[in-house]
Amino acid sequence: MPVTADGLPETAAHGDPGPPPGLVVVGRYDELPGYAVQRPRGADSWLLTWTVGGRGTLRQGRTETGAGAGDLVVLAPGTPHRYGVQQGADHWRFWWAHCGARPSWTAWLGPHGRGDGMYVVTPGPGGDGPHARIEAAFHRMLADARWTGTGTPPVTAPPASAPADDRVAVAVAHGTTARELALCALEEVVLLTAGAALGARTGAGVDPRVRRAQELIAADPGAPHTVRSLAAEVSLSPSRFAHLFTRQLGRSPMRELREARLNHAARLLESTDLSVERVAAASGFASPFHFNRVFRARYGTPPGAYRAAGPMVEA
């Protein structure tokens, strides 16, 4: 049987459509069939839900969406909405947060708008993406929201999976420090989900093993990657991996690595005062002489001159 927002613990005072925008409220629910929340006037604050398991359905105005594992659904304030366990699903386990959205979130959520103030960010195919880090961010948000501002700030280490009977956890961030810390964790959720969705679109059609190798290179271009080490990370033989990578992307794994190292070196030259020798070492080049030669071939100028020219030099 549907319930109103007034029936939710710590989410709204009697007669209110939801928490006021100045508050940050975070919770984790694991609900069974029949659970639903309806706000005929919408909420005064933004509502964000991130599904861990099961299925939910959310409706904002005339727009409706299902939500499965890894989906972030954001509802803007002021529009009637309803959400609950999806018909036919055996449960819906999800994190939720009511808050005032930071202005910077608009650019990240904008491409995922569905109309009527609903934004749906879905994970890419072939993996959970940053699932574990998003889960950790919500655990941290919950702990930060509970912090009184005195004593040692909370340090969280979320369990691999919550106990089956741990169905409800809710906290309201009252203090300024607790609110800002909780919003920082929530901003991480928005950035991670939107960034992963963008990466999935960019890599559409690319074999997940090739995409994983690209991610490993991009994450640490200065590491001692080899065809053999990258192939082992994606469970392929070196020859099969090199052939698949080159066929899919039109360049070899080592060419990809060299470009990533050169791009990394260029960013270090632009934004730090590290010596050219240190930039070379941090970017994975064992020889400064070799670094100078390949950098000049790529950018048309040696590293020192590139730094002196500043941002006017195009990569």
Protein backbone atom coordinates (compact mmCIF):
# COMPACT_ATOMS: atom_id res chain seq x y z
CA MET A 1 0.00 0.00 0.00
CA PRO A 2 1.47 3.40 -0.95
CA VAL A 3 2.65 5.62 1.88
CA THR A 4 3.17 9.35 1.97
CA ALA A 5 6.42 11.10 2.71
CA ASP A 6 5.13 11.83 6.19
CA GLY A 7 5.50 8.14 7.05
CA LEU A 8 9.24 8.03 6.34
CA PRO A 9 11.57 8.25 9.33
CA GLU A 10 13.43 11.54 9.57
CA THR A 11 12.68 12.66 6.02
CA ALA A 12 9.92 15.21 6.44
CA ALA A 13 7.98 17.01 9.09
CA HIS A 14 4.22 16.46 9.13
CA GLY A 15 2.62 18.18 6.17
CA ASP A 16 5.87 18.89 4.32
CA PRO A 17 6.52 17.46 0.85
CA GLY A 18 10.11 16.61 1.81
CA PRO A 19 13.12 18.00 3.65
CA PRO A 20 13.84 21.69 3.11
CA PRO A 21 16.63 22.41 0.61
CA GLY A 22 19.01 23.55 3.36
CA LEU A 23 19.18 20.06 4.88
CA VAL A 24 21.14 17.06 3.68
CA VAL A 25 19.38 13.79 4.44
CA VAL A 26 20.80 10.42 3.37
CA GLY A 27 19.45 6.92 3.76
CA ARG A 28 19.67 3.33 2.63
CA TYR A 29 16.55 1.20 2.23
CA ASP A 30 15.85 -2.35 1.17
CA GLU A 31 12.12 -2.41 0.47
CA LEU A 32 9.70 -5.19 -0.44
CA PRO A 33 6.83 -5.23 -2.97
CA GLY A 34 4.13 -2.72 -2.08
CA TYR A 35 6.52 0.00 -0.92
CA ALA A 36 5.86 3.34 -2.59
CA VAL A 37 6.24 7.03 -1.77
CA GLN A 38 4.07 9.67 -3.41
CA ARG A 39 4.51 13.43 -3.16
CA PRO A 40 1.67 15.20 -4.99
CA ARG A 41 3.46 18.55 -4.67
CA GLY A 42 6.93 17.22 -5.28
CA ALA A 43 9.79 17.99 -2.93
CA ASP A 44 11.39 21.28 -1.93
CA SER A 45 14.82 19.72 -2.33
CA TRP A 46 16.51 17.51 -4.91
CA LEU A 47 16.15 13.74 -4.55
CA LEU A 48 18.89 11.39 -5.72
CA THR A 49 18.52 7.60 -5.70
CA TRP A 50 21.19 5.05 -6.55
CA THR A 51 20.09 1.44 -6.89
CA VAL A 52 22.19 -1.32 -5.34
CA GLY A 53 19.94 -4.27 -6.13
CA GLY A 54 16.44 -5.25 -7.18
CA ARG A 55 14.33 -2.85 -9.22
CA GLY A 56 12.54 0.41 -8.57
CA THR A 57 10.22 2.65 -10.57
CA LEU A 58 10.31 6.45 -10.37
CA ARG A 59 7.86 8.90 -11.89
CA GLN A 60 8.40 12.67 -12.08
CA GLY A 61 5.54 14.60 -13.64
CA ARG A 62 4.74 12.67 -16.83
CA THR A 63 8.16 11.01 -17.06
CA GLU A 64 8.77 7.51 -15.72
CA THR A 65 11.81 5.25 -15.52
CA GLY A 66 12.85 1.94 -14.08
CA ALA A 67 15.96 1.73 -11.94
CA GLY A 68 18.29 -1.25 -11.72
CA ALA A 69 21.68 -1.85 -10.13
CA GLY A 70 24.04 1.06 -10.77
CA ASP A 71 21.37 3.50 -11.99
CA LEU A 72 21.42 7.02 -10.56
CA VAL A 73 18.05 8.78 -10.83
CA VAL A 74 17.83 12.46 -9.87
CA LEU A 75 14.54 14.30 -9.37
CA ALA A 76 14.47 18.10 -9.35
CA PRO A 77 12.26 19.88 -6.81
CA GLY A 78 8.79 21.24 -7.40
CA THR A 79 7.30 18.50 -9.60
CA PRO A 80 4.92 15.77 -8.37
CA HIS A 81 6.71 12.46 -8.09
CA ARG A 82 6.20 8.89 -7.02
CA TYR A 83 8.65 6.04 -6.54
CA GLY A 84 8.60 2.50 -5.23
CA VAL A 85 9.42 -1.15 -5.84
CA GLN A 86 8.91 -2.01 -9.49
CA GLN A 87 5.95 -4.27 -10.20
CA GLY A 88 7.15 -7.87 -10.38
CA ALA A 89 10.43 -7.18 -8.53
CA ASP A 90 11.04 -8.96 -5.24
CA HIS A 91 12.74 -5.95 -3.61
CA TRP A 92 14.46 -2.63 -4.20
CA ARG A 93 17.68 -1.86 -2.35
CA PHE A 94 18.82 1.71 -2.85
CA TRP A 95 20.60 4.70 -1.40
CA TRP A 96 18.79 8.03 -1.44
CA ALA A 97 19.62 11.61 -0.55
CA HIS A 98 17.62 14.82 -0.26
CA CYS A 99 19.65 18.01 -0.58
CA GLY A 100 20.13 21.28 -2.40
CA ALA A 101 22.07 20.42 -5.56
CA ARG A 102 25.33 22.23 -6.17
CA PRO A 103 25.25 24.41 -9.33
CA SER A 104 28.20 22.53 -10.81
CA TRP A 105 26.15 19.33 -10.99
CA THR A 106 23.96 20.74 -13.76
CA ALA A 107 26.58 20.28 -16.46
CA TRP A 108 27.14 16.65 -15.45
CA LEU A 109 23.47 15.74 -15.21
CA GLY A 110 22.24 17.80 -18.19
CA PRO A 111 23.00 15.20 -20.90
CA HIS A 112 20.95 12.64 -18.94
CA GLY A 113 17.73 14.67 -18.72
CA ARG A 114 14.50 12.83 -19.50
CA GLY A 115 12.14 15.78 -19.09
CA ASP A 116 10.04 17.08 -16.19
CA GLY A 117 13.14 17.52 -14.06
CA MET A 118 14.20 13.86 -14.15
CA TYR A 119 17.79 12.78 -14.85
CA VAL A 120 18.73 9.14 -15.35
CA VAL A 121 22.40 8.13 -15.42
CA THR A 122 22.88 4.48 -16.33
CA PRO A 123 26.10 2.45 -16.16
CA GLY A 124 27.73 1.32 -19.36
CA PRO A 125 27.43 -2.25 -20.63
CA GLY A 126 29.98 -4.87 -19.74
CA GLY A 127 30.69 -4.05 -16.12
CA ASP A 128 29.79 -2.27 -12.92
CA GLY A 129 32.14 0.63 -13.59
CA PRO A 130 33.00 2.53 -10.38
CA HIS A 131 30.33 0.65 -8.37
CA ALA A 132 32.53 -0.06 -5.34
CA ARG A 133 33.74 3.52 -5.08
CA ILE A 134 30.19 4.90 -5.38
CA GLU A 135 29.05 2.51 -2.65
CA ALA A 136 31.95 3.68 -0.47
CA ALA A 137 31.01 7.33 -1.11
CA PHE A 138 27.48 6.71 0.17
CA HIS A 139 28.81 4.96 3.29
CA ARG A 140 31.09 7.93 3.85
CA MET A 141 28.19 10.33 3.30
CA LEU A 142 26.12 8.50 5.91
CA ALA A 143 28.96 8.61 8.43
CA ASP A 144 29.69 12.30 7.72
CA ALA A 145 26.03 13.22 8.09
CA ARG A 146 26.02 11.64 11.56
CA TRP A 147 29.14 13.47 12.70
CA THR A 148 28.52 16.14 15.31
CA GLY A 149 31.61 18.13 14.39
CA THR A 150 33.41 17.32 17.63
CA GLY A 151 36.02 14.66 18.18
CA THR A 152 37.72 12.72 15.43
CA PRO A 153 36.02 12.81 11.99
CA PRO A 154 34.58 9.42 10.99
CA VAL A 155 36.65 6.97 8.99
CA THR A 156 34.55 4.48 7.05
CA ALA A 157 35.36 1.07 5.68
CA PRO A 158 32.09 -0.22 4.17
CA PRO A 159 31.44 -3.96 4.41
CA ALA A 160 31.50 -6.02 1.24
CA SER A 161 27.75 -6.43 1.60
CA ALA A 162 25.32 -5.20 4.22
CA PRO A 163 23.56 -7.76 6.43
CA ALA A 164 20.25 -8.99 5.06
CA ASP A 165 18.33 -7.54 8.01
CA ASP A 166 20.02 -4.12 7.78
CA ARG A 167 17.15 -2.60 5.81
CA VAL A 168 17.05 1.01 7.01
CA ALA A 169 19.77 3.56 7.73
CA VAL A 170 18.98 7.30 7.81
CA ALA A 171 20.93 10.38 8.90
CA VAL A 172 20.37 14.14 8.79
CA ALA A 173 23.43 16.37 8.48
CA HIS A 174 22.69 19.26 10.85
CA GLY A 175 26.02 21.03 11.25
CA THR A 176 27.69 23.04 8.50
CA THR A 177 30.77 20.82 8.44
CA ALA A 178 28.70 17.64 8.31
CA ARG A 179 26.55 19.07 5.49
CA GLU A 180 29.52 20.09 3.38
CA LEU A 181 31.31 16.76 3.86
CA ALA A 182 28.15 14.87 2.97
CA LEU A 183 27.66 17.01 -0.15
CA CYS A 184 31.26 16.36 -1.18
CA ALA A 185 30.61 12.62 -1.01
CA LEU A 186 27.40 13.04 -2.98
CA GLU A 187 29.19 15.15 -5.57
CA GLU A 188 31.64 12.27 -5.99
CA VAL A 189 28.68 10.00 -6.73
CA VAL A 190 27.39 12.38 -9.41
CA LEU A 191 30.81 12.77 -11.02
CA LEU A 192 31.57 9.04 -10.97
CA THR A 193 28.24 7.95 -12.44
CA ALA A 194 28.14 10.66 -15.10
CA GLY A 195 31.80 10.13 -15.97
CA ALA A 196 31.36 6.37 -16.27
CA ALA A 197 28.32 6.83 -18.51
CA LEU A 198 30.28 9.22 -20.74
CA GLY A 199 33.16 6.78 -20.94
CA ALA A 200 30.78 3.98 -21.88
CA ARG A 201 29.36 6.03 -24.76
CA THR A 202 32.84 7.01 -25.93
CA GLY A 203 33.94 3.38 -25.89
CA ALA A 204 30.79 1.98 -27.46
CA GLY A 205 31.58 -1.00 -29.66
CA VAL A 206 35.03 -1.52 -28.13
CA ASP A 207 35.77 -4.94 -26.68
CA PRO A 208 35.60 -4.71 -22.83
CA ARG A 209 39.10 -6.19 -22.58
CA VAL A 210 40.53 -3.54 -24.85
CA ARG A 211 38.64 -0.84 -22.95
CA ARG A 212 40.01 -2.21 -19.67
CA ALA A 213 43.57 -2.06 -21.01
CA GLN A 214 42.98 1.55 -22.07
CA GLU A 215 41.77 2.34 -18.57
CA LEU A 216 44.87 0.78 -17.01
CA ILE A 217 47.13 2.85 -19.25
CA ALA A 218 45.21 6.08 -18.64
CA ALA A 219 45.11 5.52 -14.87
CA ASP A 220 48.90 5.33 -14.58
CA PRO A 221 50.74 6.02 -17.83
CA GLY A 222 54.09 6.13 -16.02
CA ALA A 223 53.78 2.53 -14.82
CA PRO A 224 56.02 -0.11 -16.45
CA HIS A 225 53.26 -1.46 -18.69
CA THR A 226 54.15 -4.03 -21.33
CA VAL A 227 52.10 -5.97 -23.85
CA ARG A 228 52.58 -9.01 -21.62
CA SER A 229 51.49 -7.27 -18.40
CA LEU A 230 48.43 -5.66 -20.01
CA ALA A 231 47.44 -8.96 -21.66
CA ALA A 232 47.66 -10.71 -18.29
CA GLU A 233 45.35 -8.10 -16.73
CA VAL A 234 42.63 -8.92 -19.28
CA SER A 235 43.27 -12.69 -19.39
CA LEU A 236 44.54 -12.88 -22.98
CA SER A 237 47.74 -14.13 -24.50
CA PRO A 238 50.13 -11.32 -25.51
CA SER A 239 49.74 -12.05 -29.23
CA ARG A 240 45.94 -12.26 -29.07
CA PHE A 241 45.75 -9.10 -26.97
CA ALA A 242 48.03 -7.10 -29.27
CA HIS A 243 46.09 -8.21 -32.35
CA LEU A 244 42.69 -7.42 -30.80
CA PHE A 245 43.81 -4.04 -29.46
CA THR A 246 45.32 -2.96 -32.79
CA ARG A 247 42.34 -4.18 -34.81
CA GLN A 248 39.82 -2.39 -32.60
CA LEU A 249 41.61 0.93 -32.11
CA GLY A 250 43.87 1.18 -35.16
CA ARG A 251 47.00 1.54 -33.05
CA SER A 252 49.14 -0.88 -31.06
CA PRO A 253 49.08 -1.08 -27.24
CA MET A 254 52.59 0.40 -27.07
CA ARG A 255 51.56 3.28 -29.34
CA GLU A 256 48.62 3.92 -27.03
CA LEU A 257 50.99 3.85 -24.06
CA ARG A 258 53.44 6.26 -25.68
CA GLU A 259 50.66 8.74 -26.51
CA ALA A 260 49.31 8.52 -22.95
CA ARG A 261 52.80 9.16 -21.54
CA LEU A 262 53.38 12.13 -23.83
CA ASN A 263 49.99 13.64 -22.94
CA HIS A 264 50.75 13.13 -19.25
CA ALA A 265 54.16 14.76 -19.67
CA ALA A 266 52.61 17.73 -21.46
CA ARG A 267 50.16 18.27 -18.60
CA LEU A 268 53.00 18.13 -16.06
CA LEU A 269 55.02 20.66 -18.04
CA GLU A 270 51.99 22.97 -18.22
CA SER A 271 50.97 22.78 -14.59
CA THR A 272 54.07 22.04 -12.47
CA ASP A 273 57.62 23.30 -12.06
CA LEU A 274 59.14 19.82 -12.10
CA SER A 275 62.39 19.59 -14.00
CA VAL A 276 62.27 18.04 -17.46
CA GLU A 277 64.16 15.03 -16.09
CA ARG A 278 61.56 14.50 -13.36
CA VAL A 279 58.71 14.94 -15.83
CA ALA A 280 60.30 12.29 -18.01
CA ALA A 281 60.65 9.87 -15.09
CA ALA A 282 57.11 10.53 -13.81
CA SER A 283 55.74 9.88 -17.30
CA GLY A 284 57.46 6.53 -17.69
CA PHE A 285 60.44 7.53 -19.84
CA ALA A 286 63.63 5.90 -18.55
CA SER A 287 65.90 8.14 -20.65
CA PRO A 288 65.60 11.95 -20.70
CA PHE A 289 67.31 11.91 -24.09
CA HIS A 290 64.66 9.55 -25.50
CA PHE A 291 61.93 11.65 -23.86
CA ASN A 292 63.23 14.83 -25.51
CA ARG A 293 63.35 13.15 -28.89
CA VAL A 294 59.84 11.64 -28.88
CA PHE A 295 58.32 14.75 -27.24
CA ARG A 296 59.75 16.96 -29.96
CA ALA A 297 58.50 14.57 -32.65
CA ARG A 298 54.99 14.67 -31.14
CA TYR A 299 54.65 18.38 -30.27
CA GLY A 300 57.11 20.01 -32.66
CA THR A 301 59.18 21.56 -29.87
CA PRO A 302 61.39 20.22 -27.05
CA PRO A 303 59.91 19.97 -23.52
CA GLY A 304 61.64 23.11 -22.19
CA ALA A 305 60.40 25.25 -25.05
CA TYR A 306 56.90 23.75 -24.72
CA ARG A 307 56.79 24.84 -21.08
CA ALA A 308 58.11 28.32 -21.92
CA ALA A 309 55.43 28.78 -24.60
CA GLY A 310 52.71 28.02 -22.05
CA PRO A 311 49.11 27.18 -23.00
CA MET A 312 49.49 28.66 -26.48
CA VAL A 313 51.15 25.44 -27.65
CA GLU A 314 48.46 23.05 -28.84
CA ALA A 315 48.64 19.34 -27.96
